[in-house]
Amino acid sequence: MEDDRIDGDRIDGGRVDGGRVEGGRTDKPAPHQAVLDEVAPRLRRLRAQRGLTLAVLSETTGISKSTLSRLESGQRRPSLELLLPLASAYRVPLDDLVGAPEVGDPRVRLTPRAMPNGGTAVPLTRSMGPLQAFKMLITDRGTEPDLRTHEGYEWLYVLDGRLRLVLADHDLVLGPGEAAEFDTRLPHWFTSADGRPVEILSLFGRQGERMHVRAKPHA
């Protein structure tokens, strides 16, 4: 007698074949199957928008490249265990990965996040698009620049305070109402220019219209 345990694609003594259960009680597609079918192309599209390789994504999430590839091709069923680190890596809500229906409220939940190098970032966008917006509170990070590089393009707009921006060979100070844009593949670093917190808007992405730049050399 065949047991009724769940084992891979087996359930209730029959084998699941897409939305049909052979030897089971129904041949109707599972109601969630259409949602699951859309996860794979959504993951492919999101990784392409971010400009990430499977190797980089694997290192970030701890998920093997083969598993990521199977997820994106639809050969591997998405699970919460796999989708949670992907949502974290892409900085999007889990609902965006699985395509949960909108509930009609367009407001973005403002959830502050501590920045590893000091300060606080509040995401202002929730979509998976190539452009992400943040409101940041930058604290004093010292005087010795810790230059970083990564893929992308960034726009900064100072709302309040004075921001010191070190970009390659340039050392600049921006005040309220001033903005800067730069390719993040250039070595860069920023901090408070006078030890007091700086409030800025940051747009980060791979494309988009550029903002006007006004900045003066750091004295």
C-alpha atoms as a PDB file:
ATOM      1  CA  MET A   1       0.000   0.000   0.000  1.00  0.00           C
ATOM      2  CA  GLU A   2       1.360   3.371  -1.034  1.00  0.00           C
ATOM      3  CA  ASP A   3       1.684   5.769   1.888  1.00  0.00           C
ATOM      4  CA  ASP A   4       0.235   9.288   1.901  1.00  0.00           C
ATOM      5  CA  ARG A   5       3.346  11.227   2.974  1.00  0.00           C
ATOM      6  CA  ILE A   6       4.546  14.362   1.202  1.00  0.00           C
ATOM      7  CA  ASP A   7       7.756  13.470  -0.605  1.00  0.00           C
ATOM      8  CA  GLY A   8       9.073  15.936  -3.156  1.00  0.00           C
ATOM      9  CA  ASP A   9       6.345  16.121  -5.798  1.00  0.00           C
ATOM     10  CA  ARG A  10       4.278  13.272  -4.308  1.00  0.00           C
ATOM     11  CA  ILE A  11       1.172  14.001  -2.255  1.00  0.00           C
ATOM     12  CA  ASP A  12      -1.887  12.037  -1.154  1.00  0.00           C
ATOM     13  CA  GLY A  13      -0.745   8.871  -2.885  1.00  0.00           C
ATOM     14  CA  GLY A  14      -0.601  10.515  -6.326  1.00  0.00           C
ATOM     15  CA  ARG A  15       2.019  12.413  -8.304  1.00  0.00           C
ATOM     16  CA  VAL A  16       1.689  16.129  -8.927  1.00  0.00           C
ATOM     17  CA  ASP A  17       2.162  16.920 -12.617  1.00  0.00           C
ATOM     18  CA  GLY A  18       1.892  20.706 -12.976  1.00  0.00           C
ATOM     19  CA  GLY A  19      -1.622  21.440 -11.760  1.00  0.00           C
ATOM     20  CA  ARG A  20      -2.845  17.833 -12.155  1.00  0.00           C
ATOM     21  CA  VAL A  21      -2.634  15.032  -9.624  1.00  0.00           C
ATOM     22  CA  GLU A  22      -2.374  11.661 -11.346  1.00  0.00           C
ATOM     23  CA  GLY A  23      -4.203   9.055  -9.337  1.00  0.00           C
ATOM     24  CA  GLY A  24      -5.467  11.827  -7.056  1.00  0.00           C
ATOM     25  CA  ARG A  25      -8.801  13.488  -6.656  1.00  0.00           C
ATOM     26  CA  THR A  26      -8.636  16.438  -9.074  1.00  0.00           C
ATOM     27  CA  ASP A  27      -7.204  17.607 -12.387  1.00  0.00           C
ATOM     28  CA  LYS A  28      -7.785  21.316 -11.714  1.00  0.00           C
ATOM     29  CA  PRO A  29      -4.707  23.607 -11.536  1.00  0.00           C
ATOM     30  CA  ALA A  30      -3.727  24.587  -8.023  1.00  0.00           C
ATOM     31  CA  PRO A  31      -4.957  28.145  -7.347  1.00  0.00           C
ATOM     32  CA  HIS A  32      -1.464  29.310  -6.451  1.00  0.00           C
ATOM     33  CA  GLN A  33       0.205  27.768  -9.520  1.00  0.00           C
ATOM     34  CA  ALA A  34      -0.206  30.882 -11.681  1.00  0.00           C
ATOM     35  CA  VAL A  35       1.463  32.975  -8.974  1.00  0.00           C
ATOM     36  CA  LEU A  36       4.379  30.553  -8.671  1.00  0.00           C
ATOM     37  CA  ASP A  37       4.810  30.428 -12.450  1.00  0.00           C
ATOM     38  CA  GLU A  38       5.485  34.173 -12.478  1.00  0.00           C
ATOM     39  CA  VAL A  39       8.256  34.045  -9.865  1.00  0.00           C
ATOM     40  CA  ALA A  40      10.938  32.732 -12.241  1.00  0.00           C
ATOM     41  CA  PRO A  41      10.650  35.484 -14.898  1.00  0.00           C
ATOM     42  CA  ARG A  42      10.316  38.063 -12.128  1.00  0.00           C
ATOM     43  CA  LEU A  43      13.615  36.882 -10.589  1.00  0.00           C
ATOM     44  CA  ARG A  44      15.357  36.944 -13.980  1.00  0.00           C
ATOM     45  CA  ARG A  45      14.094  40.435 -14.700  1.00  0.00           C
ATOM     46  CA  LEU A  46      15.095  41.744 -11.287  1.00  0.00           C
ATOM     47  CA  ARG A  47      18.653  40.385 -11.515  1.00  0.00           C
ATOM     48  CA  ALA A  48      19.033  41.889 -15.001  1.00  0.00           C
ATOM     49  CA  GLN A  49      17.820  45.268 -13.733  1.00  0.00           C
ATOM     50  CA  ARG A  50      20.359  45.158 -10.927  1.00  0.00           C
ATOM     51  CA  GLY A  51      23.160  44.115 -13.302  1.00  0.00           C
ATOM     52  CA  LEU A  52      24.183  41.198 -11.064  1.00  0.00           C
ATOM     53  CA  THR A  53      25.808  37.940 -12.049  1.00  0.00           C
ATOM     54  CA  LEU A  54      24.741  34.619 -10.576  1.00  0.00           C
ATOM     55  CA  ALA A  55      28.120  34.411  -8.851  1.00  0.00           C
ATOM     56  CA  VAL A  56      27.674  37.772  -7.098  1.00  0.00           C
ATOM     57  CA  LEU A  57      24.089  36.978  -6.120  1.00  0.00           C
ATOM     58  CA  SER A  58      25.172  33.581  -4.807  1.00  0.00           C
ATOM     59  CA  GLU A  59      27.851  35.181  -2.637  1.00  0.00           C
ATOM     60  CA  THR A  60      25.353  37.724  -1.302  1.00  0.00           C
ATOM     61  CA  THR A  61      22.527  35.309  -0.504  1.00  0.00           C
ATOM     62  CA  GLY A  62      24.395  32.100   0.306  1.00  0.00           C
ATOM     63  CA  ILE A  63      22.301  30.275  -2.320  1.00  0.00           C
ATOM     64  CA  SER A  64      24.263  28.162  -4.801  1.00  0.00           C
ATOM     65  CA  LYS A  65      24.521  29.310  -8.417  1.00  0.00           C
ATOM     66  CA  SER A  66      22.853  26.120  -9.643  1.00  0.00           C
ATOM     67  CA  THR A  67      19.865  26.681  -7.355  1.00  0.00           C
ATOM     68  CA  LEU A  68      19.571  30.321  -8.433  1.00  0.00           C
ATOM     69  CA  SER A  69      19.716  29.255 -12.083  1.00  0.00           C
ATOM     70  CA  ARG A  70      16.993  26.641 -11.552  1.00  0.00           C
ATOM     71  CA  LEU A  71      14.829  29.193  -9.729  1.00  0.00           C
ATOM     72  CA  GLU A  72      15.123  31.632 -12.630  1.00  0.00           C
ATOM     73  CA  SER A  73      14.373  28.935 -15.210  1.00  0.00           C
ATOM     74  CA  GLY A  74      11.354  27.627 -13.306  1.00  0.00           C
ATOM     75  CA  GLN A  75      12.962  24.226 -12.675  1.00  0.00           C
ATOM     76  CA  ARG A  76      13.062  24.824  -8.917  1.00  0.00           C
ATOM     77  CA  ARG A  77      10.005  25.649  -6.847  1.00  0.00           C
ATOM     78  CA  PRO A  78      10.393  28.946  -4.955  1.00  0.00           C
ATOM     79  CA  SER A  79      10.219  28.533  -1.203  1.00  0.00           C
ATOM     80  CA  LEU A  80      10.217  30.986   1.672  1.00  0.00           C
ATOM     81  CA  GLU A  81      13.701  29.758   2.610  1.00  0.00           C
ATOM     82  CA  LEU A  82      15.008  30.849  -0.814  1.00  0.00           C
ATOM     83  CA  LEU A  83      12.901  33.959  -1.373  1.00  0.00           C
ATOM     84  CA  LEU A  84      13.697  35.662   1.933  1.00  0.00           C
ATOM     85  CA  PRO A  85      17.464  36.090   1.265  1.00  0.00           C
ATOM     86  CA  LEU A  86      16.697  37.129  -2.332  1.00  0.00           C
ATOM     87  CA  ALA A  87      14.256  39.799  -1.156  1.00  0.00           C
ATOM     88  CA  SER A  88      16.913  41.034   1.278  1.00  0.00           C
ATOM     89  CA  ALA A  89      19.625  41.094  -1.407  1.00  0.00           C
ATOM     90  CA  TYR A  90      17.405  42.997  -3.845  1.00  0.00           C
ATOM     91  CA  ARG A  91      16.056  45.255  -1.071  1.00  0.00           C
ATOM     92  CA  VAL A  92      12.442  44.643  -2.041  1.00  0.00           C
ATOM     93  CA  PRO A  93       9.435  43.379  -0.065  1.00  0.00           C
ATOM     94  CA  LEU A  94       8.751  39.659  -0.321  1.00  0.00           C
ATOM     95  CA  ASP A  95       5.376  40.528  -1.865  1.00  0.00           C
ATOM     96  CA  ASP A  96       7.184  41.993  -4.885  1.00  0.00           C
ATOM     97  CA  LEU A  97       8.937  38.688  -5.582  1.00  0.00           C
ATOM     98  CA  VAL A  98       5.807  36.565  -5.459  1.00  0.00           C
ATOM     99  CA  GLY A  99       3.562  39.156  -7.089  1.00  0.00           C
ATOM    100  CA  ALA A 100       1.103  39.574  -4.246  1.00  0.00           C
ATOM    101  CA  PRO A 101      -1.909  41.659  -5.340  1.00  0.00           C
ATOM    102  CA  GLU A 102      -1.998  45.330  -4.426  1.00  0.00           C
ATOM    103  CA  VAL A 103      -4.274  46.240  -1.557  1.00  0.00           C
ATOM    104  CA  GLY A 104      -4.970  49.736  -2.886  1.00  0.00           C
ATOM    105  CA  ASP A 105      -2.744  51.694  -0.503  1.00  0.00           C
ATOM    106  CA  PRO A 106       0.050  53.451  -2.455  1.00  0.00           C
ATOM    107  CA  ARG A 107       1.896  54.639   0.638  1.00  0.00           C
ATOM    108  CA  VAL A 108       5.418  53.326   1.233  1.00  0.00           C
ATOM    109  CA  ARG A 109       6.083  51.964   4.710  1.00  0.00           C
ATOM    110  CA  LEU A 110       8.970  54.073   5.979  1.00  0.00           C
ATOM    111  CA  THR A 111      11.187  51.614   7.821  1.00  0.00           C
ATOM    112  CA  PRO A 112      14.535  53.104   8.949  1.00  0.00           C
ATOM    113  CA  ARG A 113      17.615  50.948   8.461  1.00  0.00           C
ATOM    114  CA  ALA A 114      20.921  51.384  10.234  1.00  0.00           C
ATOM    115  CA  MET A 115      23.777  51.908   7.792  1.00  0.00           C
ATOM    116  CA  PRO A 116      26.873  49.783   8.456  1.00  0.00           C
ATOM    117  CA  ASN A 117      29.232  52.773   8.201  1.00  0.00           C
ATOM    118  CA  GLY A 118      27.118  55.065  10.374  1.00  0.00           C
ATOM    119  CA  GLY A 119      23.812  56.844   9.931  1.00  0.00           C
ATOM    120  CA  THR A 120      20.268  55.850   9.011  1.00  0.00           C
ATOM    121  CA  ALA A 121      18.623  55.166   5.650  1.00  0.00           C
ATOM    122  CA  VAL A 122      14.868  55.198   5.005  1.00  0.00           C
ATOM    123  CA  PRO A 123      13.760  53.543   1.711  1.00  0.00           C
ATOM    124  CA  LEU A 124      11.311  55.755  -0.189  1.00  0.00           C
ATOM    125  CA  THR A 125      10.525  53.266  -2.956  1.00  0.00           C
ATOM    126  CA  ARG A 126       9.124  49.759  -2.842  1.00  0.00           C
ATOM    127  CA  SER A 127       9.169  48.773  -6.515  1.00  0.00           C
ATOM    128  CA  MET A 128      11.691  46.455  -8.153  1.00  0.00           C
ATOM    129  CA  GLY A 129      12.600  49.069 -10.767  1.00  0.00           C
ATOM    130  CA  PRO A 130      16.167  50.105 -11.567  1.00  0.00           C
ATOM    131  CA  LEU A 131      15.905  53.349  -9.577  1.00  0.00           C
ATOM    132  CA  GLN A 132      15.807  53.342  -5.769  1.00  0.00           C
ATOM    133  CA  ALA A 133      15.233  56.391  -3.544  1.00  0.00           C
ATOM    134  CA  PHE A 134      16.381  56.851   0.061  1.00  0.00           C
ATOM    135  CA  LYS A 135      16.260  59.549   2.691  1.00  0.00           C
ATOM    136  CA  MET A 136      19.473  59.385   4.726  1.00  0.00           C
ATOM    137  CA  LEU A 137      20.739  60.885   7.950  1.00  0.00           C
ATOM    138  CA  ILE A 138      24.527  60.932   7.728  1.00  0.00           C
ATOM    139  CA  THR A 139      26.556  61.204  10.933  1.00  0.00           C
ATOM    140  CA  ASP A 140      30.193  62.110  11.469  1.00  0.00           C
ATOM    141  CA  ARG A 141      32.296  59.283  10.020  1.00  0.00           C
ATOM    142  CA  GLY A 142      35.651  60.788  10.878  1.00  0.00           C
ATOM    143  CA  THR A 143      38.116  62.654   8.708  1.00  0.00           C
ATOM    144  CA  GLU A 144      39.960  59.793   7.001  1.00  0.00           C
ATOM    145  CA  PRO A 145      38.052  58.719   3.860  1.00  0.00           C
ATOM    146  CA  ASP A 146      37.163  55.039   3.512  1.00  0.00           C
ATOM    147  CA  LEU A 147      36.702  55.012  -0.263  1.00  0.00           C
ATOM    148  CA  ARG A 148      34.357  52.404  -1.764  1.00  0.00           C
ATOM    149  CA  THR A 149      33.389  51.365  -5.305  1.00  0.00           C
ATOM    150  CA  HIS A 150      30.426  49.400  -6.683  1.00  0.00           C
ATOM    151  CA  GLU A 151      28.246  49.174  -9.781  1.00  0.00           C
ATOM    152  CA  GLY A 152      25.632  51.870 -10.323  1.00  0.00           C
ATOM    153  CA  TYR A 153      25.019  55.607 -10.450  1.00  0.00           C
ATOM    154  CA  GLU A 154      24.090  57.842  -7.537  1.00  0.00           C
ATOM    155  CA  TRP A 155      22.474  61.236  -7.045  1.00  0.00           C
ATOM    156  CA  LEU A 156      22.696  63.118  -3.751  1.00  0.00           C
ATOM    157  CA  TYR A 157      20.618  66.129  -2.707  1.00  0.00           C
ATOM    158  CA  VAL A 158      21.293  67.882   0.611  1.00  0.00           C
ATOM    159  CA  LEU A 159      18.170  68.766   2.583  1.00  0.00           C
ATOM    160  CA  ASP A 160      19.821  70.021   5.765  1.00  0.00           C
ATOM    161  CA  GLY A 161      23.367  70.327   7.063  1.00  0.00           C
ATOM    162  CA  ARG A 162      26.700  70.224   5.242  1.00  0.00           C
ATOM    163  CA  LEU A 163      27.924  67.113   3.451  1.00  0.00           C
ATOM    164  CA  ARG A 164      31.540  66.337   2.677  1.00  0.00           C
ATOM    165  CA  LEU A 165      31.847  64.236  -0.491  1.00  0.00           C
ATOM    166  CA  VAL A 166      35.166  62.683  -1.481  1.00  0.00           C
ATOM    167  CA  LEU A 167      35.011  61.466  -5.070  1.00  0.00           C
ATOM    168  CA  ALA A 168      38.227  60.117  -6.573  1.00  0.00           C
ATOM    169  CA  ASP A 169      40.594  63.142  -6.478  1.00  0.00           C
ATOM    170  CA  HIS A 170      37.860  65.641  -5.545  1.00  0.00           C
ATOM    171  CA  ASP A 171      37.070  66.730  -1.995  1.00  0.00           C
ATOM    172  CA  LEU A 172      33.806  68.700  -1.982  1.00  0.00           C
ATOM    173  CA  VAL A 173      31.319  70.262   0.443  1.00  0.00           C
ATOM    174  CA  LEU A 174      27.616  70.491  -0.370  1.00  0.00           C
ATOM    175  CA  GLY A 175      25.095  72.596   1.536  1.00  0.00           C
ATOM    176  CA  PRO A 176      21.282  72.642   1.601  1.00  0.00           C
ATOM    177  CA  GLY A 177      19.805  72.772  -1.903  1.00  0.00           C
ATOM    178  CA  GLU A 178      22.971  71.488  -3.554  1.00  0.00           C
ATOM    179  CA  ALA A 179      23.245  68.190  -5.421  1.00  0.00           C
ATOM    180  CA  ALA A 180      25.860  65.876  -6.868  1.00  0.00           C
ATOM    181  CA  GLU A 181      25.804  62.904  -9.218  1.00  0.00           C
ATOM    182  CA  PHE A 182      28.491  60.345  -9.916  1.00  0.00           C
ATOM    183  CA  ASP A 183      29.315  56.918 -11.241  1.00  0.00           C
ATOM    184  CA  THR A 184      29.724  54.706  -8.176  1.00  0.00           C
ATOM    185  CA  ARG A 185      32.511  52.792  -9.876  1.00  0.00           C
ATOM    186  CA  LEU A 186      34.625  55.809  -8.932  1.00  0.00           C
ATOM    187  CA  PRO A 187      36.079  55.630  -5.395  1.00  0.00           C
ATOM    188  CA  HIS A 188      33.755  57.659  -3.153  1.00  0.00           C
ATOM    189  CA  TRP A 189      32.918  58.403   0.475  1.00  0.00           C
ATOM    190  CA  PHE A 190      30.821  60.972   2.290  1.00  0.00           C
ATOM    191  CA  THR A 191      30.335  62.231   5.819  1.00  0.00           C
ATOM    192  CA  SER A 192      29.239  65.255   7.797  1.00  0.00           C
ATOM    193  CA  ALA A 193      31.390  68.260   6.975  1.00  0.00           C
ATOM    194  CA  ASP A 194      31.110  69.863  10.423  1.00  0.00           C
ATOM    195  CA  GLY A 195      30.370  66.986  12.822  1.00  0.00           C
ATOM    196  CA  ARG A 196      26.625  67.616  12.843  1.00  0.00           C
ATOM    197  CA  PRO A 197      24.089  65.232  11.217  1.00  0.00           C
ATOM    198  CA  VAL A 198      23.346  65.777   7.519  1.00  0.00           C
ATOM    199  CA  GLU A 199      19.974  64.979   5.959  1.00  0.00           C
ATOM    200  CA  ILE A 200      20.071  64.008   2.283  1.00  0.00           C
ATOM    201  CA  LEU A 201      18.012  62.407  -0.467  1.00  0.00           C
ATOM    202  CA  SER A 202      19.786  59.681  -2.417  1.00  0.00           C
ATOM    203  CA  LEU A 203      18.726  58.199  -5.744  1.00  0.00           C
ATOM    204  CA  PHE A 204      20.586  55.083  -6.771  1.00  0.00           C
ATOM    205  CA  GLY A 205      20.204  53.210 -10.026  1.00  0.00           C
ATOM    206  CA  ARG A 206      21.576  52.154 -13.357  1.00  0.00           C
ATOM    207  CA  GLN A 207      19.723  54.721 -15.453  1.00  0.00           C
ATOM    208  CA  GLY A 208      17.604  57.879 -15.281  1.00  0.00           C
ATOM    209  CA  GLU A 209      17.875  61.577 -15.882  1.00  0.00           C
ATOM    210  CA  ARG A 210      20.806  63.333 -14.287  1.00  0.00           C
ATOM    211  CA  MET A 211      20.415  66.068 -11.709  1.00  0.00           C
ATOM    212  CA  HIS A 212      22.137  69.414 -11.891  1.00  0.00           C
ATOM    213  CA  VAL A 213      25.401  69.555  -9.941  1.00  0.00           C
ATOM    214  CA  ARG A 214      26.393  72.427  -7.665  1.00  0.00           C
ATOM    215  CA  ALA A 215      29.327  71.909  -5.386  1.00  0.00           C
ATOM    216  CA  LYS A 216      32.338  73.817  -4.180  1.00  0.00           C
ATOM    217  CA  PRO A 217      35.837  72.547  -3.297  1.00  0.00           C
ATOM    218  CA  HIS A 218      36.413  71.613   0.327  1.00  0.00           C
ATOM    219  CA  ALA A 219      38.543  74.281   1.978  1.00  0.00           C
END
